[in-house]
Structure formats: C-alpha cells, structure tokens
Amino acid sequence: MQKENTVFVGNKPVMNYVLAVVTQFNNGASEVAIKARGKAISRAVDTAEIALNRFLDNVVKKQIVTSTEVIETDSGKTNVSSIEIVLAQNK
C-alpha cells in the first residue's frame, strides 16, 4: 500500500477523515488504508462505516488488521492498540 493512500485518524471530527477517504477514491486510488491508534480506533471504525454506507459505491472492506505497538514514554514503555482498515474497489 502506498503511503499516499493512507488516512491517519486522530482527534479531528469524523467527517474530516471521511472526506479524505472519499477524495482518495475520487482521485483514482484503488485501495485506501485507514490507520489509528489508541482512543482514535473507534473514530477510524466510524470513518470506514460512514464512507462505505453513505458515500462510496462499489467499495468493500478488504482487510482489517489489529495489533499492539510498544511506545516509549517518559515513564517507560507502554502498549498501544492499533488498527488498519483497508478499503478497496469492488471489481
């Protein structure tokens, strides 16, 4: 997956990320990855579902990958959950 076709979800409103996903597909991308960590995971899931159900036709969930990343903080190492949702054109 190319880095240009990746939407990193953070603390902005969900519709900002939905617009980014829809824009990627309108610009000719065949796949778009939605990535998030920690508390933003639910926002990433909302982004994928809103994009699929309201705005995109002939697009499906291709893959969902969950993982745990080890992050260095001031107080040591901590585990953070992450998710990657790949949406692809339905052929």
N, C-alpha and C. Protein backbone atom coordinates (compact mmCIF):
# COMPACT_ATOMS: atom_id res chain seq x y z
N MET A 1 0.85 -1.18 0.00
CA MET A 1 0.00 0.00 0.00
C MET A 1 0.89 1.24 0.00
N GLN A 2 0.57 2.17 -0.87
CA GLN A 2 1.35 3.40 -0.93
C GLN A 2 0.97 4.31 0.22
N LYS A 3 1.93 5.07 0.70
CA LYS A 3 1.68 5.95 1.84
C LYS A 3 0.68 7.06 1.49
N GLU A 4 0.61 7.45 0.22
CA GLU A 4 -0.33 8.50 -0.18
C GLU A 4 -1.77 8.05 0.00
N ASN A 5 -2.01 6.76 -0.06
CA ASN A 5 -3.37 6.23 0.05
C ASN A 5 -3.68 5.79 1.48
N THR A 6 -3.09 6.46 2.45
CA THR A 6 -3.32 6.15 3.85
C THR A 6 -3.88 7.37 4.56
N VAL A 7 -4.94 7.15 5.33
CA VAL A 7 -5.52 8.22 6.13
C VAL A 7 -5.25 7.88 7.59
N PHE A 8 -4.51 8.76 8.27
CA PHE A 8 -4.20 8.56 9.68
C PHE A 8 -5.24 9.29 10.51
N VAL A 9 -5.96 8.55 11.34
CA VAL A 9 -7.06 9.12 12.12
C VAL A 9 -6.54 9.58 13.47
N GLY A 10 -6.93 10.80 13.85
CA GLY A 10 -6.53 11.39 15.13
C GLY A 10 -7.72 11.95 15.86
N ASN A 11 -7.63 13.21 16.26
CA ASN A 11 -8.66 13.83 17.11
C ASN A 11 -9.62 14.76 16.38
N LYS A 12 -9.48 14.89 15.08
CA LYS A 12 -10.39 15.76 14.33
C LYS A 12 -11.77 15.11 14.22
N PRO A 13 -12.78 15.86 13.80
CA PRO A 13 -14.11 15.27 13.60
C PRO A 13 -14.08 14.16 12.53
N VAL A 14 -14.96 13.19 12.69
CA VAL A 14 -15.00 12.02 11.81
C VAL A 14 -15.18 12.42 10.35
N MET A 15 -16.01 13.40 10.08
CA MET A 15 -16.30 13.76 8.69
C MET A 15 -15.05 14.29 7.97
N ASN A 16 -14.08 14.83 8.69
CA ASN A 16 -12.83 15.24 8.04
C ASN A 16 -12.12 14.03 7.44
N TYR A 17 -12.12 12.94 8.17
CA TYR A 17 -11.45 11.72 7.69
C TYR A 17 -12.27 11.04 6.59
N VAL A 18 -13.59 11.08 6.70
CA VAL A 18 -14.45 10.53 5.65
C VAL A 18 -14.19 11.27 4.35
N LEU A 19 -14.10 12.59 4.42
CA LEU A 19 -13.80 13.40 3.22
C LEU A 19 -12.46 13.01 2.62
N ALA A 20 -11.47 12.76 3.47
CA ALA A 20 -10.15 12.36 2.98
C ALA A 20 -10.21 11.01 2.25
N VAL A 21 -10.96 10.06 2.80
CA VAL A 21 -11.10 8.74 2.17
C VAL A 21 -11.82 8.86 0.83
N VAL A 22 -12.93 9.58 0.81
CA VAL A 22 -13.71 9.74 -0.42
C VAL A 22 -12.86 10.46 -1.48
N THR A 23 -12.10 11.45 -1.08
CA THR A 23 -11.23 12.18 -2.01
C THR A 23 -10.18 11.25 -2.62
N GLN A 24 -9.60 10.37 -1.82
CA GLN A 24 -8.61 9.42 -2.33
C GLN A 24 -9.22 8.56 -3.44
N PHE A 25 -10.43 8.02 -3.19
CA PHE A 25 -11.07 7.18 -4.20
C PHE A 25 -11.45 7.99 -5.44
N ASN A 26 -11.91 9.23 -5.25
CA ASN A 26 -12.27 10.08 -6.39
C ASN A 26 -11.05 10.45 -7.22
N ASN A 27 -9.87 10.44 -6.61
CA ASN A 27 -8.64 10.75 -7.34
C ASN A 27 -8.03 9.52 -8.00
N GLY A 28 -8.74 8.39 -7.97
CA GLY A 28 -8.29 7.22 -8.71
C GLY A 28 -7.63 6.13 -7.90
N ALA A 29 -7.60 6.24 -6.59
CA ALA A 29 -6.98 5.19 -5.77
C ALA A 29 -7.84 3.93 -5.83
N SER A 30 -7.19 2.77 -5.94
CA SER A 30 -7.93 1.51 -5.92
C SER A 30 -8.08 0.96 -4.51
N GLU A 31 -7.18 1.39 -3.60
CA GLU A 31 -7.24 0.99 -2.19
C GLU A 31 -6.89 2.18 -1.32
N VAL A 32 -7.55 2.26 -0.16
CA VAL A 32 -7.24 3.29 0.83
C VAL A 32 -7.17 2.62 2.19
N ALA A 33 -6.09 2.89 2.94
CA ALA A 33 -5.94 2.35 4.28
C ALA A 33 -6.29 3.44 5.30
N ILE A 34 -7.05 3.06 6.31
CA ILE A 34 -7.39 3.94 7.41
C ILE A 34 -6.66 3.40 8.63
N LYS A 35 -5.79 4.22 9.23
CA LYS A 35 -4.99 3.76 10.37
C LYS A 35 -5.25 4.62 11.59
N ALA A 36 -5.27 3.96 12.76
CA ALA A 36 -5.46 4.69 14.02
C ALA A 36 -4.84 3.92 15.16
N ARG A 37 -4.55 4.64 16.25
CA ARG A 37 -4.02 4.02 17.46
C ARG A 37 -4.82 4.51 18.67
N GLY A 38 -4.88 3.66 19.68
CA GLY A 38 -5.46 4.05 20.96
C GLY A 38 -6.92 4.46 20.88
N LYS A 39 -7.20 5.61 21.49
CA LYS A 39 -8.59 6.09 21.57
C LYS A 39 -9.17 6.48 20.23
N ALA A 40 -8.35 6.66 19.21
CA ALA A 40 -8.83 7.05 17.88
C ALA A 40 -9.35 5.85 17.08
N ILE A 41 -9.22 4.64 17.63
CA ILE A 41 -9.67 3.44 16.90
C ILE A 41 -11.17 3.52 16.59
N SER A 42 -11.97 3.92 17.56
CA SER A 42 -13.41 4.00 17.31
C SER A 42 -13.73 5.03 16.24
N ARG A 43 -12.97 6.11 16.19
CA ARG A 43 -13.16 7.13 15.15
C ARG A 43 -12.80 6.56 13.77
N ALA A 44 -11.79 5.70 13.72
CA ALA A 44 -11.40 5.07 12.45
C ALA A 44 -12.49 4.12 11.95
N VAL A 45 -13.08 3.36 12.87
CA VAL A 45 -14.17 2.46 12.50
C VAL A 45 -15.36 3.27 12.00
N ASP A 46 -15.69 4.35 12.69
CA ASP A 46 -16.78 5.23 12.25
C ASP A 46 -16.49 5.79 10.86
N THR A 47 -15.26 6.18 10.62
CA THR A 47 -14.86 6.72 9.32
C THR A 47 -15.10 5.71 8.21
N ALA A 48 -14.67 4.48 8.43
CA ALA A 48 -14.85 3.44 7.41
C ALA A 48 -16.32 3.15 7.16
N GLU A 49 -17.10 3.04 8.22
CA GLU A 49 -18.52 2.70 8.06
C GLU A 49 -19.30 3.82 7.39
N ILE A 50 -19.04 5.06 7.78
CA ILE A 50 -19.74 6.19 7.15
C ILE A 50 -19.36 6.29 5.68
N ALA A 51 -18.08 6.14 5.37
CA ALA A 51 -17.64 6.22 3.98
C ALA A 51 -18.30 5.13 3.14
N LEU A 52 -18.33 3.91 3.67
CA LEU A 52 -18.91 2.79 2.92
C LEU A 52 -20.42 2.92 2.77
N ASN A 53 -21.11 3.27 3.84
CA ASN A 53 -22.57 3.25 3.83
C ASN A 53 -23.21 4.48 3.20
N ARG A 54 -22.53 5.62 3.23
CA ARG A 54 -23.15 6.85 2.74
C ARG A 54 -22.58 7.37 1.43
N PHE A 55 -21.27 7.22 1.23
CA PHE A 55 -20.62 7.96 0.15
C PHE A 55 -20.02 7.12 -0.96
N LEU A 56 -19.62 5.89 -0.69
CA LEU A 56 -18.88 5.12 -1.70
C LEU A 56 -19.70 3.93 -2.20
N ASP A 57 -19.79 3.82 -3.52
CA ASP A 57 -20.41 2.65 -4.14
C ASP A 57 -19.28 1.78 -4.69
N ASN A 58 -19.51 0.48 -4.74
CA ASN A 58 -18.53 -0.47 -5.26
C ASN A 58 -17.21 -0.45 -4.50
N VAL A 59 -17.27 -0.17 -3.20
CA VAL A 59 -16.09 -0.23 -2.34
C VAL A 59 -16.43 -1.16 -1.18
N VAL A 60 -15.47 -2.04 -0.85
CA VAL A 60 -15.68 -3.02 0.23
C VAL A 60 -14.51 -2.97 1.21
N LYS A 61 -14.74 -3.55 2.38
CA LYS A 61 -13.65 -3.72 3.35
C LYS A 61 -12.82 -4.90 2.88
N LYS A 62 -11.59 -4.67 2.55
CA LYS A 62 -10.72 -5.72 2.06
C LYS A 62 -10.03 -6.44 3.20
N GLN A 63 -9.58 -5.67 4.19
CA GLN A 63 -8.77 -6.26 5.26
C GLN A 63 -8.87 -5.37 6.50
N ILE A 64 -8.89 -6.02 7.67
CA ILE A 64 -8.81 -5.32 8.94
C ILE A 64 -7.71 -5.98 9.76
N VAL A 65 -6.72 -5.18 10.15
CA VAL A 65 -5.58 -5.70 10.90
C VAL A 65 -5.51 -4.96 12.24
N THR A 66 -5.49 -5.73 13.32
CA THR A 66 -5.29 -5.15 14.64
C THR A 66 -3.93 -5.58 15.16
N SER A 67 -3.31 -4.72 15.96
CA SER A 67 -2.00 -5.04 16.50
C SER A 67 -1.75 -4.21 17.75
N THR A 68 -0.65 -4.52 18.42
CA THR A 68 -0.22 -3.77 19.59
C THR A 68 1.17 -3.22 19.31
N GLU A 69 1.34 -1.93 19.56
CA GLU A 69 2.62 -1.29 19.35
C GLU A 69 3.18 -0.88 20.72
N VAL A 70 4.49 -1.02 20.87
CA VAL A 70 5.16 -0.61 22.10
C VAL A 70 5.68 0.81 21.89
N ILE A 71 5.25 1.72 22.74
CA ILE A 71 5.59 3.13 22.63
C ILE A 71 6.47 3.54 23.81
N GLU A 72 7.55 4.28 23.51
CA GLU A 72 8.40 4.83 24.58
C GLU A 72 7.77 6.11 25.10
N THR A 73 7.55 6.18 26.41
CA THR A 73 7.05 7.40 27.04
C THR A 73 8.06 7.85 28.09
N ASP A 74 7.76 8.95 28.76
CA ASP A 74 8.64 9.46 29.80
C ASP A 74 8.75 8.48 30.97
N SER A 75 7.65 7.74 31.21
CA SER A 75 7.63 6.80 32.34
C SER A 75 8.01 5.38 31.93
N GLY A 76 8.52 5.18 30.72
CA GLY A 76 8.93 3.86 30.27
C GLY A 76 8.16 3.43 29.04
N LYS A 77 8.07 2.14 28.84
CA LYS A 77 7.37 1.60 27.68
C LYS A 77 5.91 1.32 28.03
N THR A 78 5.04 1.52 27.04
CA THR A 78 3.62 1.22 27.21
C THR A 78 3.09 0.61 25.92
N ASN A 79 2.06 -0.20 26.04
CA ASN A 79 1.44 -0.84 24.89
C ASN A 79 0.26 -0.01 24.40
N VAL A 80 0.16 0.16 23.09
CA VAL A 80 -0.94 0.89 22.49
C VAL A 80 -1.53 0.03 21.37
N SER A 81 -2.84 -0.14 21.40
CA SER A 81 -3.52 -0.90 20.35
C SER A 81 -3.59 -0.06 19.08
N SER A 82 -3.57 -0.74 17.92
CA SER A 82 -3.70 -0.03 16.65
C SER A 82 -4.56 -0.86 15.70
N ILE A 83 -5.12 -0.16 14.71
CA ILE A 83 -5.96 -0.83 13.72
C ILE A 83 -5.65 -0.24 12.35
N GLU A 84 -5.75 -1.10 11.34
CA GLU A 84 -5.64 -0.67 9.95
C GLU A 84 -6.81 -1.29 9.20
N ILE A 85 -7.63 -0.45 8.60
CA ILE A 85 -8.79 -0.89 7.83
C ILE A 85 -8.51 -0.54 6.37
N VAL A 86 -8.46 -1.56 5.51
CA VAL A 86 -8.18 -1.32 4.09
C VAL A 86 -9.49 -1.44 3.32
N LEU A 87 -9.82 -0.36 2.62
CA LEU A 87 -10.99 -0.33 1.75
C LEU A 87 -10.51 -0.44 0.31
N ALA A 88 -11.23 -1.21 -0.50
CA ALA A 88 -10.79 -1.41 -1.88
C ALA A 88 -11.99 -1.37 -2.84
N GLN A 89 -11.71 -1.00 -4.08
CA GLN A 89 -12.74 -1.03 -5.13
C GLN A 89 -13.21 -2.45 -5.32
N ASN A 90 -14.51 -2.65 -5.40
CA ASN A 90 -15.08 -3.96 -5.65
C ASN A 90 -15.05 -4.22 -7.14
N LYS A 91 -14.31 -5.24 -7.57
CA LYS A 91 -14.14 -5.49 -9.00
C LYS A 91 -15.19 -6.40 -9.54
